[in-house]
Amino acid sequence: MPGSRPTRTWSCSDDPVMKTLGPLAAACAIALCAPAQETSITLDDEMLRSAEQWARENLDEDVLRVLQDADQQKIRELLRTLQERFHGEYVVDLGLLKDSARSAVPLLERYQETLPYALWLKTRLDELDVADRFRLLIPPPKTPPGSPLRPAPNPSAAKLRELWLKEITTSTWPANAKPYVHRLQPIFAAEKVPPQLVWVAEVESSFDPRARSPEGAAGLFQLMPATANRYGLRTWPLDQRVQPEASARAAAQYLRYLYAHFKDWRLALAAYNAGEGTVQNLLAHRKAANFEAIAPSLPAETQLFVPKIEATLWRREGVKLSELKSPKAS
């Protein structure tokens, strides 16, 4: 989900993939109500306020009107859970959402309005699987009797690369990739970016331009509105992020900029997902110069995203991320 998160999700009644998130919230709330203790959280006043603020900043007025008729507590729980787990620090927390997320997908696929979010969520189910696999591999942290439980440590980037290589076991392209890979690789090359990086679209959207995140990222490369605008794309009245060529060009330009800034593809991809400021601040705080040193402190989504890209490039193109030429040399 490249770029900084917007303060408001764009809405336009003429756009068939962006009408209301109400069915999304209701459907996911049903999934989260399933009897699974690990996905249940206790809400306090601060958490409720945070969830309400998230809803005000990300959902349009039509959605808020729909939400007033639903089970408020469960919807707030959903919003808070998504906010904490996907943008939180601990990978194992994502694994706990695996079953609820998988149960929510068929519900979201029933409605045209929520299909884009089903596509977004389906693309991330394997991330939850990998997070859960890691959770099962590590022993629970030892704590003295009566002491609060300590969070499980995050996996190293090397361990996640290993898990992803096992997860992505087939060399068969995703069905949706076939119309796009050869069509979009020349755009990346023209922007002086390694054309193999077009496979970022598999990780972001499974090559389906209809995919849209609840926070407003859209298209093959899941560009946020601010990033899209920065590279010349309109998000209103028609959203150019859903146009494959336009989205590919903007994504390639952003990747070229990030590589020029960080001089390293792993760091560039981490910034593509988490934002430039997040990566730069961690590098400065840790006095670090490489991805491995900051990986366990990145948002959980980003910790999974970068090694997933690496595994995808290896399975699809037979190349390592470290072997890609720099934009200047392309």
C-alpha atoms as a PDB file:
ATOM      1  CA  MET A   1       0.000   0.000   0.000  1.00  0.00           C
ATOM      2  CA  PRO A   2       2.399   2.677  -1.231  1.00  0.00           C
ATOM      3  CA  GLY A   3       2.397   6.210   0.040  1.00  0.00           C
ATOM      4  CA  SER A   4       1.035   7.850   3.137  1.00  0.00           C
ATOM      5  CA  ARG A   5      -2.477   6.977   4.232  1.00  0.00           C
ATOM      6  CA  PRO A   6      -5.094   9.603   3.301  1.00  0.00           C
ATOM      7  CA  THR A   7      -7.264  11.383   5.795  1.00  0.00           C
ATOM      8  CA  ARG A   8     -10.344  10.545   3.768  1.00  0.00           C
ATOM      9  CA  THR A   9     -11.234   7.829   1.287  1.00  0.00           C
ATOM     10  CA  TRP A  10     -12.396   9.138  -2.092  1.00  0.00           C
ATOM     11  CA  SER A  11     -15.989   8.347  -2.985  1.00  0.00           C
ATOM     12  CA  CYS A  12     -17.853   8.766  -6.247  1.00  0.00           C
ATOM     13  CA  SER A  13     -21.235   7.278  -7.086  1.00  0.00           C
ATOM     14  CA  ASP A  14     -20.181   6.885 -10.732  1.00  0.00           C
ATOM     15  CA  ASP A  15     -17.333   4.533  -9.779  1.00  0.00           C
ATOM     16  CA  PRO A  16     -18.698   0.950  -9.619  1.00  0.00           C
ATOM     17  CA  VAL A  17     -15.933  -0.181  -7.248  1.00  0.00           C
ATOM     18  CA  MET A  18     -16.354   2.621  -4.723  1.00  0.00           C
ATOM     19  CA  LYS A  19     -19.813   3.154  -3.270  1.00  0.00           C
ATOM     20  CA  THR A  20     -19.949   2.148   0.358  1.00  0.00           C
ATOM     21  CA  LEU A  21     -17.947   0.183   2.878  1.00  0.00           C
ATOM     22  CA  GLY A  22     -21.032  -0.618   4.947  1.00  0.00           C
ATOM     23  CA  PRO A  23     -21.498  -4.183   3.622  1.00  0.00           C
ATOM     24  CA  LEU A  24     -17.747  -4.721   4.052  1.00  0.00           C
ATOM     25  CA  ALA A  25     -17.832  -3.798   7.694  1.00  0.00           C
ATOM     26  CA  ALA A  26     -20.975  -5.798   8.372  1.00  0.00           C
ATOM     27  CA  ALA A  27     -19.676  -8.891   6.591  1.00  0.00           C
ATOM     28  CA  CYS A  28     -16.315  -8.845   8.326  1.00  0.00           C
ATOM     29  CA  ALA A  29     -18.025  -8.230  11.642  1.00  0.00           C
ATOM     30  CA  ILE A  30     -20.001 -11.434  11.157  1.00  0.00           C
ATOM     31  CA  ALA A  31     -16.753 -13.301  10.470  1.00  0.00           C
ATOM     32  CA  LEU A  32     -15.105 -11.843  13.535  1.00  0.00           C
ATOM     33  CA  CYS A  33     -18.024 -12.933  15.699  1.00  0.00           C
ATOM     34  CA  ALA A  34     -17.091 -16.587  15.096  1.00  0.00           C
ATOM     35  CA  PRO A  35     -16.179 -18.419  18.304  1.00  0.00           C
ATOM     36  CA  ALA A  36     -12.415 -18.025  18.177  1.00  0.00           C
ATOM     37  CA  GLN A  37     -10.898 -16.657  21.350  1.00  0.00           C
ATOM     38  CA  GLU A  38      -7.678 -15.531  19.702  1.00  0.00           C
ATOM     39  CA  THR A  39      -9.481 -12.930  17.585  1.00  0.00           C
ATOM     40  CA  SER A  40     -11.543 -11.503  20.415  1.00  0.00           C
ATOM     41  CA  ILE A  41     -10.417  -8.313  22.099  1.00  0.00           C
ATOM     42  CA  THR A  42     -11.774  -6.294  24.978  1.00  0.00           C
ATOM     43  CA  LEU A  43     -12.800  -2.784  24.070  1.00  0.00           C
ATOM     44  CA  ASP A  44     -12.141   0.122  26.390  1.00  0.00           C
ATOM     45  CA  ASP A  45     -13.060   3.790  25.962  1.00  0.00           C
ATOM     46  CA  GLU A  46      -9.745   4.675  24.328  1.00  0.00           C
ATOM     47  CA  MET A  47     -10.078   1.858  21.780  1.00  0.00           C
ATOM     48  CA  LEU A  48     -13.645   2.866  20.968  1.00  0.00           C
ATOM     49  CA  ARG A  49     -12.577   6.461  20.413  1.00  0.00           C
ATOM     50  CA  SER A  50      -9.749   5.313  18.166  1.00  0.00           C
ATOM     51  CA  ALA A  51     -12.066   3.137  16.064  1.00  0.00           C
ATOM     52  CA  GLU A  52     -14.601   5.962  15.777  1.00  0.00           C
ATOM     53  CA  GLN A  53     -11.875   8.362  14.653  1.00  0.00           C
ATOM     54  CA  TRP A  54     -10.650   5.835  12.070  1.00  0.00           C
ATOM     55  CA  ALA A  55     -14.165   5.532  10.693  1.00  0.00           C
ATOM     56  CA  ARG A  56     -14.625   9.316  10.493  1.00  0.00           C
ATOM     57  CA  GLU A  57     -11.312   9.757   8.670  1.00  0.00           C
ATOM     58  CA  ASN A  58     -11.664   6.860   6.220  1.00  0.00           C
ATOM     59  CA  LEU A  59     -15.358   6.298   5.540  1.00  0.00           C
ATOM     60  CA  ASP A  60     -17.686   8.650   3.737  1.00  0.00           C
ATOM     61  CA  GLU A  61     -20.981   9.924   5.129  1.00  0.00           C
ATOM     62  CA  ASP A  62     -23.091   7.293   3.325  1.00  0.00           C
ATOM     63  CA  VAL A  63     -21.072   4.543   4.960  1.00  0.00           C
ATOM     64  CA  LEU A  64     -21.384   6.120   8.389  1.00  0.00           C
ATOM     65  CA  ARG A  65     -25.176   6.212   7.988  1.00  0.00           C
ATOM     66  CA  VAL A  66     -25.159   2.488   7.168  1.00  0.00           C
ATOM     67  CA  LEU A  67     -22.967   1.717  10.141  1.00  0.00           C
ATOM     68  CA  GLN A  68     -25.412   3.359  12.546  1.00  0.00           C
ATOM     69  CA  ASP A  69     -27.866   0.516  11.901  1.00  0.00           C
ATOM     70  CA  ALA A  70     -25.333  -2.263  12.499  1.00  0.00           C
ATOM     71  CA  ASP A  71     -23.861  -3.779  15.613  1.00  0.00           C
ATOM     72  CA  GLN A  72     -21.642  -0.882  16.660  1.00  0.00           C
ATOM     73  CA  GLN A  73     -19.422  -2.803  19.032  1.00  0.00           C
ATOM     74  CA  LYS A  74     -18.549  -5.525  16.536  1.00  0.00           C
ATOM     75  CA  ILE A  75     -17.858  -3.036  13.755  1.00  0.00           C
ATOM     76  CA  ARG A  76     -15.658  -0.969  16.034  1.00  0.00           C
ATOM     77  CA  GLU A  77     -13.887  -4.181  16.998  1.00  0.00           C
ATOM     78  CA  LEU A  78     -13.315  -4.922  13.317  1.00  0.00           C
ATOM     79  CA  LEU A  79     -11.917  -1.472  12.587  1.00  0.00           C
ATOM     80  CA  ARG A  80      -9.694  -1.546  15.634  1.00  0.00           C
ATOM     81  CA  THR A  81      -8.459  -5.045  14.835  1.00  0.00           C
ATOM     82  CA  LEU A  82      -7.586  -4.146  11.247  1.00  0.00           C
ATOM     83  CA  GLN A  83      -5.869  -0.961  12.357  1.00  0.00           C
ATOM     84  CA  GLU A  84      -3.812  -2.658  15.042  1.00  0.00           C
ATOM     85  CA  ARG A  85      -2.901  -5.929  13.368  1.00  0.00           C
ATOM     86  CA  PHE A  86      -2.036  -4.775   9.834  1.00  0.00           C
ATOM     87  CA  HIS A  87      -0.181  -1.663  10.917  1.00  0.00           C
ATOM     88  CA  GLY A  88       1.073  -3.028  14.214  1.00  0.00           C
ATOM     89  CA  GLU A  89       4.573  -4.281  14.910  1.00  0.00           C
ATOM     90  CA  TYR A  90       4.040  -7.988  15.576  1.00  0.00           C
ATOM     91  CA  VAL A  91       3.731 -10.464  12.728  1.00  0.00           C
ATOM     92  CA  VAL A  92       2.210 -13.164  14.930  1.00  0.00           C
ATOM     93  CA  ASP A  93      -0.804 -10.929  15.590  1.00  0.00           C
ATOM     94  CA  LEU A  94      -1.689 -11.107  11.900  1.00  0.00           C
ATOM     95  CA  GLY A  95      -1.716 -14.880  12.022  1.00  0.00           C
ATOM     96  CA  LEU A  96      -4.523 -14.770  14.557  1.00  0.00           C
ATOM     97  CA  LEU A  97      -6.796 -13.162  11.947  1.00  0.00           C
ATOM     98  CA  LYS A  98      -6.335 -15.982   9.431  1.00  0.00           C
ATOM     99  CA  ASP A  99      -9.600 -17.856   9.967  1.00  0.00           C
ATOM    100  CA  SER A 100     -11.769 -14.754  10.351  1.00  0.00           C
ATOM    101  CA  ALA A 101     -10.359 -13.189   7.188  1.00  0.00           C
ATOM    102  CA  ARG A 102     -10.865 -16.363   5.174  1.00  0.00           C
ATOM    103  CA  SER A 103     -14.464 -16.607   6.388  1.00  0.00           C
ATOM    104  CA  ALA A 104     -15.115 -12.988   5.390  1.00  0.00           C
ATOM    105  CA  VAL A 105     -14.036 -13.349   1.755  1.00  0.00           C
ATOM    106  CA  PRO A 106     -17.087 -15.232   0.403  1.00  0.00           C
ATOM    107  CA  LEU A 107     -19.365 -12.782   2.185  1.00  0.00           C
ATOM    108  CA  LEU A 108     -17.627  -9.844   0.533  1.00  0.00           C
ATOM    109  CA  GLU A 109     -17.776 -11.522  -2.880  1.00  0.00           C
ATOM    110  CA  ARG A 110     -21.590 -11.546  -2.779  1.00  0.00           C
ATOM    111  CA  TYR A 111     -21.941  -7.810  -3.368  1.00  0.00           C
ATOM    112  CA  GLN A 112     -20.697  -5.703  -6.244  1.00  0.00           C
ATOM    113  CA  GLU A 113     -19.972  -2.881  -3.801  1.00  0.00           C
ATOM    114  CA  THR A 114     -17.715  -5.032  -1.630  1.00  0.00           C
ATOM    115  CA  LEU A 115     -16.068  -7.191  -4.322  1.00  0.00           C
ATOM    116  CA  PRO A 116     -13.036  -4.856  -4.606  1.00  0.00           C
ATOM    117  CA  TYR A 117     -12.373  -5.367  -0.904  1.00  0.00           C
ATOM    118  CA  ALA A 118     -12.764  -9.128  -1.251  1.00  0.00           C
ATOM    119  CA  LEU A 119     -10.089  -9.044  -3.964  1.00  0.00           C
ATOM    120  CA  TRP A 120      -7.817  -7.010  -1.700  1.00  0.00           C
ATOM    121  CA  LEU A 121      -8.358  -9.358   1.233  1.00  0.00           C
ATOM    122  CA  LYS A 122      -7.906 -12.545  -0.829  1.00  0.00           C
ATOM    123  CA  THR A 123      -4.512 -11.285  -1.970  1.00  0.00           C
ATOM    124  CA  ARG A 124      -3.441 -11.063   1.677  1.00  0.00           C
ATOM    125  CA  LEU A 125      -4.712 -14.402   2.914  1.00  0.00           C
ATOM    126  CA  ASP A 126      -1.347 -16.030   2.266  1.00  0.00           C
ATOM    127  CA  GLU A 127       0.292 -13.306   4.369  1.00  0.00           C
ATOM    128  CA  LEU A 128      -1.908 -14.314   7.275  1.00  0.00           C
ATOM    129  CA  ASP A 129      -1.047 -17.958   6.609  1.00  0.00           C
ATOM    130  CA  VAL A 130       2.687 -17.245   6.724  1.00  0.00           C
ATOM    131  CA  ALA A 131       2.267 -15.192   9.895  1.00  0.00           C
ATOM    132  CA  ASP A 132       0.350 -18.031  11.489  1.00  0.00           C
ATOM    133  CA  ARG A 133       2.938 -20.585  10.360  1.00  0.00           C
ATOM    134  CA  PHE A 134       5.630 -18.567  12.073  1.00  0.00           C
ATOM    135  CA  ARG A 135       3.500 -18.314  15.212  1.00  0.00           C
ATOM    136  CA  LEU A 136       3.295 -22.107  15.375  1.00  0.00           C
ATOM    137  CA  LEU A 137       7.056 -22.466  14.921  1.00  0.00           C
ATOM    138  CA  ILE A 138       8.107 -20.408  17.925  1.00  0.00           C
ATOM    139  CA  PRO A 139       7.731 -21.306  21.590  1.00  0.00           C
ATOM    140  CA  PRO A 140       5.734 -18.840  23.712  1.00  0.00           C
ATOM    141  CA  PRO A 141       7.968 -16.311  25.490  1.00  0.00           C
ATOM    142  CA  LYS A 142       8.889 -17.327  29.034  1.00  0.00           C
ATOM    143  CA  THR A 143       7.630 -14.977  31.725  1.00  0.00           C
ATOM    144  CA  PRO A 144       7.817 -15.212  35.523  1.00  0.00           C
ATOM    145  CA  PRO A 145       4.596 -16.352  37.231  1.00  0.00           C
ATOM    146  CA  GLY A 146       2.162 -13.483  37.623  1.00  0.00           C
ATOM    147  CA  SER A 147       3.967 -11.306  35.060  1.00  0.00           C
ATOM    148  CA  PRO A 148       2.186 -10.022  31.938  1.00  0.00           C
ATOM    149  CA  LEU A 149       2.797 -12.013  28.780  1.00  0.00           C
ATOM    150  CA  ARG A 150       5.535 -10.667  26.558  1.00  0.00           C
ATOM    151  CA  PRO A 151       4.858 -10.440  22.804  1.00  0.00           C
ATOM    152  CA  ALA A 152       6.526 -13.049  20.660  1.00  0.00           C
ATOM    153  CA  PRO A 153       9.616 -11.756  18.858  1.00  0.00           C
ATOM    154  CA  ASN A 154       9.322 -10.963  15.182  1.00  0.00           C
ATOM    155  CA  PRO A 155      10.955 -13.291  12.665  1.00  0.00           C
ATOM    156  CA  SER A 156      14.110 -12.210  10.913  1.00  0.00           C
ATOM    157  CA  ALA A 157      13.854 -11.158   7.285  1.00  0.00           C
ATOM    158  CA  ALA A 158      15.816 -14.285   6.358  1.00  0.00           C
ATOM    159  CA  LYS A 159      13.300 -16.526   8.139  1.00  0.00           C
ATOM    160  CA  LEU A 160      10.380 -14.868   6.394  1.00  0.00           C
ATOM    161  CA  ARG A 161      12.098 -15.266   3.027  1.00  0.00           C
ATOM    162  CA  GLU A 162      12.441 -18.964   3.787  1.00  0.00           C
ATOM    163  CA  LEU A 163       8.769 -19.264   4.714  1.00  0.00           C
ATOM    164  CA  TRP A 164       7.677 -17.393   1.593  1.00  0.00           C
ATOM    165  CA  LEU A 165       9.734 -19.590  -0.720  1.00  0.00           C
ATOM    166  CA  LYS A 166       7.880 -22.576   0.711  1.00  0.00           C
ATOM    167  CA  GLU A 167       4.537 -20.786   0.430  1.00  0.00           C
ATOM    168  CA  ILE A 168       4.972 -19.793  -3.224  1.00  0.00           C
ATOM    169  CA  THR A 169       5.757 -23.276  -4.474  1.00  0.00           C
ATOM    170  CA  THR A 170       4.410 -23.104  -8.011  1.00  0.00           C
ATOM    171  CA  SER A 171       6.000 -21.520 -11.061  1.00  0.00           C
ATOM    172  CA  THR A 172       2.579 -21.188 -12.695  1.00  0.00           C
ATOM    173  CA  TRP A 173       1.535 -17.605 -13.206  1.00  0.00           C
ATOM    174  CA  PRO A 174      -1.672 -16.369 -11.576  1.00  0.00           C
ATOM    175  CA  ALA A 175      -4.472 -16.378 -14.148  1.00  0.00           C
ATOM    176  CA  ASN A 176      -4.906 -12.612 -13.912  1.00  0.00           C
ATOM    177  CA  ALA A 177      -1.215 -12.001 -14.621  1.00  0.00           C
ATOM    178  CA  LYS A 178      -1.267 -13.282 -18.190  1.00  0.00           C
ATOM    179  CA  PRO A 179      -2.966 -10.255 -19.787  1.00  0.00           C
ATOM    180  CA  TYR A 180      -0.703  -7.810 -17.968  1.00  0.00           C
ATOM    181  CA  VAL A 181       2.905  -8.927 -17.426  1.00  0.00           C
ATOM    182  CA  HIS A 182       4.223  -8.629 -20.987  1.00  0.00           C
ATOM    183  CA  ARG A 183       2.062  -5.570 -21.567  1.00  0.00           C
ATOM    184  CA  LEU A 184       3.367  -3.671 -18.527  1.00  0.00           C
ATOM    185  CA  GLN A 185       7.016  -4.724 -18.392  1.00  0.00           C
ATOM    186  CA  PRO A 186       7.962  -2.342 -21.259  1.00  0.00           C
ATOM    187  CA  ILE A 187       6.479   0.518 -19.229  1.00  0.00           C
ATOM    188  CA  PHE A 188       8.782  -0.331 -16.308  1.00  0.00           C
ATOM    189  CA  ALA A 189      11.752  -0.590 -18.662  1.00  0.00           C
ATOM    190  CA  ALA A 190      10.896   2.775 -20.234  1.00  0.00           C
ATOM    191  CA  GLU A 191      10.925   4.290 -16.748  1.00  0.00           C
ATOM    192  CA  LYS A 192      14.387   2.729 -16.199  1.00  0.00           C
ATOM    193  CA  VAL A 193      13.134   0.304 -13.567  1.00  0.00           C
ATOM    194  CA  PRO A 194      13.854  -3.451 -13.728  1.00  0.00           C
ATOM    195  CA  PRO A 195      10.880  -4.893 -15.629  1.00  0.00           C
ATOM    196  CA  GLN A 196      10.787  -7.885 -13.270  1.00  0.00           C
ATOM    197  CA  LEU A 197       9.349  -5.564 -10.618  1.00  0.00           C
ATOM    198  CA  VAL A 198       6.034  -5.629 -12.462  1.00  0.00           C
ATOM    199  CA  TRP A 199       5.413  -8.654 -10.217  1.00  0.00           C
ATOM    200  CA  VAL A 200       4.804  -6.229  -7.374  1.00  0.00           C
ATOM    201  CA  ALA A 201       1.270  -6.267  -8.794  1.00  0.00           C
ATOM    202  CA  GLU A 202       0.873  -9.944  -7.878  1.00  0.00           C
ATOM    203  CA  VAL A 203       1.709  -9.189  -4.256  1.00  0.00           C
ATOM    204  CA  GLU A 204      -0.432  -6.052  -4.129  1.00  0.00           C
ATOM    205  CA  SER A 205      -3.550  -7.103  -6.050  1.00  0.00           C
ATOM    206  CA  SER A 206      -3.099 -10.541  -7.678  1.00  0.00           C
ATOM    207  CA  PHE A 207      -3.080  -8.547 -10.925  1.00  0.00           C
ATOM    208  CA  ASP A 208      -6.703  -7.478 -10.544  1.00  0.00           C
ATOM    209  CA  PRO A 209      -7.147  -3.726 -11.110  1.00  0.00           C
ATOM    210  CA  ARG A 210     -10.463  -3.771  -9.247  1.00  0.00           C
ATOM    211  CA  ALA A 211      -8.790  -4.477  -5.895  1.00  0.00           C
ATOM    212  CA  ARG A 212      -9.218  -1.744  -3.326  1.00  0.00           C
ATOM    213  CA  SER A 213      -8.175  -1.529   0.307  1.00  0.00           C
ATOM    214  CA  PRO A 214     -10.452  -0.130   3.022  1.00  0.00           C
ATOM    215  CA  GLU A 215      -7.947   2.687   3.524  1.00  0.00           C
ATOM    216  CA  GLY A 216      -8.153   3.857  -0.077  1.00  0.00           C
ATOM    217  CA  ALA A 217      -5.327   2.137  -1.987  1.00  0.00           C
ATOM    218  CA  ALA A 218      -6.472   1.011  -5.438  1.00  0.00           C
ATOM    219  CA  GLY A 219      -5.472  -0.658  -8.664  1.00  0.00           C
ATOM    220  CA  LEU A 220      -2.887  -3.216  -9.719  1.00  0.00           C
ATOM    221  CA  PHE A 221      -0.167  -1.540  -7.671  1.00  0.00           C
ATOM    222  CA  GLN A 222      -2.387  -0.373  -4.780  1.00  0.00           C
ATOM    223  CA  LEU A 223      -1.458   3.288  -5.021  1.00  0.00           C
ATOM    224  CA  MET A 224      -2.769   5.635  -2.352  1.00  0.00           C
ATOM    225  CA  PRO A 225      -4.449   8.829  -3.606  1.00  0.00           C
ATOM    226  CA  ALA A 226      -1.573  11.104  -2.560  1.00  0.00           C
ATOM    227  CA  THR A 227       1.002   8.925  -4.323  1.00  0.00           C
ATOM    228  CA  ALA A 228      -1.138   8.689  -7.440  1.00  0.00           C
ATOM    229  CA  ASN A 229      -1.559  12.484  -7.543  1.00  0.00           C
ATOM    230  CA  ARG A 230       2.177  12.937  -6.990  1.00  0.00           C
ATOM    231  CA  TYR A 231       2.841  11.024 -10.224  1.00  0.00           C
ATOM    232  CA  GLY A 232       0.180  12.656 -12.332  1.00  0.00           C
ATOM    233  CA  LEU A 233      -2.827  10.368 -11.880  1.00  0.00           C
ATOM    234  CA  ARG A 234      -6.314  11.680 -11.201  1.00  0.00           C
ATOM    235  CA  THR A 235      -8.500  10.036  -8.583  1.00  0.00           C
ATOM    236  CA  TRP A 236     -11.560  12.155  -9.403  1.00  0.00           C
ATOM    237  CA  PRO A 237     -13.939  12.237 -11.208  1.00  0.00           C
ATOM    238  CA  LEU A 238     -12.541   9.023 -12.783  1.00  0.00           C
ATOM    239  CA  ASP A 239      -9.906   7.067 -10.884  1.00  0.00           C
ATOM    240  CA  GLN A 240      -6.909   6.491 -13.157  1.00  0.00           C
ATOM    241  CA  ARG A 241      -5.380   4.054 -10.659  1.00  0.00           C
ATOM    242  CA  VAL A 242      -7.648   1.333 -12.062  1.00  0.00           C
ATOM    243  CA  GLN A 243      -6.120   1.866 -15.531  1.00  0.00           C
ATOM    244  CA  PRO A 244      -3.313  -0.721 -15.799  1.00  0.00           C
ATOM    245  CA  GLU A 245      -0.870   1.294 -17.928  1.00  0.00           C
ATOM    246  CA  ALA A 246      -1.312   4.505 -15.955  1.00  0.00           C
ATOM    247  CA  SER A 247      -0.975   2.670 -12.655  1.00  0.00           C
ATOM    248  CA  ALA A 248       2.140   0.809 -13.841  1.00  0.00           C
ATOM    249  CA  ARG A 249       3.821   4.014 -14.977  1.00  0.00           C
ATOM    250  CA  ALA A 250       3.166   5.765 -11.671  1.00  0.00           C
ATOM    251  CA  ALA A 251       4.320   2.737  -9.664  1.00  0.00           C
ATOM    252  CA  ALA A 252       7.528   2.471 -11.705  1.00  0.00           C
ATOM    253  CA  GLN A 253       8.273   6.166 -11.245  1.00  0.00           C
ATOM    254  CA  TYR A 254       7.734   5.874  -7.511  1.00  0.00           C
ATOM    255  CA  LEU A 255       9.974   2.809  -7.272  1.00  0.00           C
ATOM    256  CA  ARG A 256      12.692   4.603  -9.254  1.00  0.00           C
ATOM    257  CA  TYR A 257      12.504   7.542  -6.866  1.00  0.00           C
ATOM    258  CA  LEU A 258      12.652   5.295  -3.806  1.00  0.00           C
ATOM    259  CA  TYR A 259      15.647   3.370  -5.124  1.00  0.00           C
ATOM    260  CA  ALA A 260      17.468   6.621  -5.894  1.00  0.00           C
ATOM    261  CA  HIS A 261      16.847   7.706  -2.316  1.00  0.00           C
ATOM    262  CA  PHE A 262      17.647   4.478  -0.444  1.00  0.00           C
ATOM    263  CA  LYS A 263      20.139   2.863  -2.889  1.00  0.00           C
ATOM    264  CA  ASP A 264      18.748  -0.578  -2.055  1.00  0.00           C
ATOM    265  CA  TRP A 265      15.771  -2.478  -3.447  1.00  0.00           C
ATOM    266  CA  ARG A 266      14.700  -4.000  -0.146  1.00  0.00           C
ATOM    267  CA  LEU A 267      14.599  -0.593   1.500  1.00  0.00           C
ATOM    268  CA  ALA A 268      12.858   0.887  -1.541  1.00  0.00           C
ATOM    269  CA  LEU A 269      10.146  -1.774  -1.416  1.00  0.00           C
ATOM    270  CA  ALA A 270       9.766  -1.335   2.339  1.00  0.00           C
ATOM    271  CA  ALA A 271       9.223   2.381   1.741  1.00  0.00           C
ATOM    272  CA  TYR A 272       6.788   1.613  -1.088  1.00  0.00           C
ATOM    273  CA  ASN A 273       4.676  -0.314   1.409  1.00  0.00           C
ATOM    274  CA  ALA A 274       5.174   1.547   4.687  1.00  0.00           C
ATOM    275  CA  GLY A 275       6.057   5.053   3.523  1.00  0.00           C
ATOM    276  CA  GLU A 276       9.369   6.833   3.079  1.00  0.00           C
ATOM    277  CA  GLY A 277       9.260   8.501   6.474  1.00  0.00           C
ATOM    278  CA  THR A 278       8.768   5.232   8.345  1.00  0.00           C
ATOM    279  CA  VAL A 279      11.817   3.643   6.738  1.00  0.00           C
ATOM    280  CA  GLN A 280      13.995   6.744   6.981  1.00  0.00           C
ATOM    281  CA  ASN A 281      13.181   7.273  10.649  1.00  0.00           C
ATOM    282  CA  LEU A 282      13.994   3.665  11.530  1.00  0.00           C
ATOM    283  CA  LEU A 283      17.303   3.816   9.694  1.00  0.00           C
ATOM    284  CA  ALA A 284      18.234   6.972  11.571  1.00  0.00           C
ATOM    285  CA  HIS A 285      17.036   5.664  14.941  1.00  0.00           C
ATOM    286  CA  ARG A 286      18.894   2.374  14.573  1.00  0.00           C
ATOM    287  CA  LYS A 287      21.902   3.982  12.890  1.00  0.00           C
ATOM    288  CA  ALA A 288      21.378   1.303  10.262  1.00  0.00           C
ATOM    289  CA  ALA A 289      22.030   1.133   6.548  1.00  0.00           C
ATOM    290  CA  ASN A 290      20.186  -1.990   5.418  1.00  0.00           C
ATOM    291  CA  PHE A 291      16.805  -3.659   5.493  1.00  0.00           C
ATOM    292  CA  GLU A 292      17.854  -6.580   7.706  1.00  0.00           C
ATOM    293  CA  ALA A 293      18.674  -4.222  10.580  1.00  0.00           C
ATOM    294  CA  ILE A 294      15.264  -2.549  10.659  1.00  0.00           C
ATOM    295  CA  ALA A 295      12.987  -5.326   9.379  1.00  0.00           C
ATOM    296  CA  PRO A 296      11.709  -6.582  12.774  1.00  0.00           C
ATOM    297  CA  SER A 297      10.677  -3.014  13.704  1.00  0.00           C
ATOM    298  CA  LEU A 298       8.746  -2.265  10.528  1.00  0.00           C
ATOM    299  CA  PRO A 299       4.943  -2.586  10.423  1.00  0.00           C
ATOM    300  CA  ALA A 300       3.942  -6.255  10.317  1.00  0.00           C
ATOM    301  CA  GLU A 301       2.500  -5.866   6.834  1.00  0.00           C
ATOM    302  CA  THR A 302       5.832  -4.532   5.555  1.00  0.00           C
ATOM    303  CA  GLN A 303       7.818  -7.264   7.281  1.00  0.00           C
ATOM    304  CA  LEU A 304       5.819  -9.746   5.204  1.00  0.00           C
ATOM    305  CA  PHE A 305       5.657  -7.642   2.030  1.00  0.00           C
ATOM    306  CA  VAL A 306       9.362  -7.356   1.184  1.00  0.00           C
ATOM    307  CA  PRO A 307      10.299 -11.060   1.484  1.00  0.00           C
ATOM    308  CA  LYS A 308       7.081 -11.934  -0.348  1.00  0.00           C
ATOM    309  CA  ILE A 309       8.267  -9.769  -3.257  1.00  0.00           C
ATOM    310  CA  GLU A 310      11.631 -11.524  -3.153  1.00  0.00           C
ATOM    311  CA  ALA A 311      10.071 -14.987  -3.198  1.00  0.00           C
ATOM    312  CA  THR A 312       7.684 -13.974  -5.982  1.00  0.00           C
ATOM    313  CA  LEU A 313      10.521 -12.676  -8.186  1.00  0.00           C
ATOM    314  CA  TRP A 314      12.450 -15.882  -7.651  1.00  0.00           C
ATOM    315  CA  ARG A 315       9.465 -18.119  -8.487  1.00  0.00           C
ATOM    316  CA  ARG A 316       8.240 -16.090 -11.452  1.00  0.00           C
ATOM    317  CA  GLU A 317      11.487 -14.812 -13.002  1.00  0.00           C
ATOM    318  CA  GLY A 318      14.260 -16.871 -11.403  1.00  0.00           C
ATOM    319  CA  VAL A 319      16.069 -13.748 -10.184  1.00  0.00           C
ATOM    320  CA  LYS A 320      17.054 -12.493  -6.764  1.00  0.00           C
ATOM    321  CA  LEU A 321      16.172  -8.978  -5.681  1.00  0.00           C
ATOM    322  CA  SER A 322      19.859  -8.296  -5.082  1.00  0.00           C
ATOM    323  CA  GLU A 323      20.586  -9.188  -8.720  1.00  0.00           C
ATOM    324  CA  LEU A 324      18.317  -6.532 -10.202  1.00  0.00           C
ATOM    325  CA  LYS A 325      20.127  -3.748 -11.980  1.00  0.00           C
ATOM    326  CA  SER A 326      19.877  -0.237 -10.667  1.00  0.00           C
ATOM    327  CA  PRO A 327      17.617   2.151 -12.602  1.00  0.00           C
ATOM    328  CA  LYS A 328      20.656   4.022 -13.970  1.00  0.00           C
ATOM    329  CA  ALA A 329      22.064   0.802 -15.382  1.00  0.00           C
ATOM    330  CA  SER A 330      18.771  -0.448 -16.845  1.00  0.00           C
END
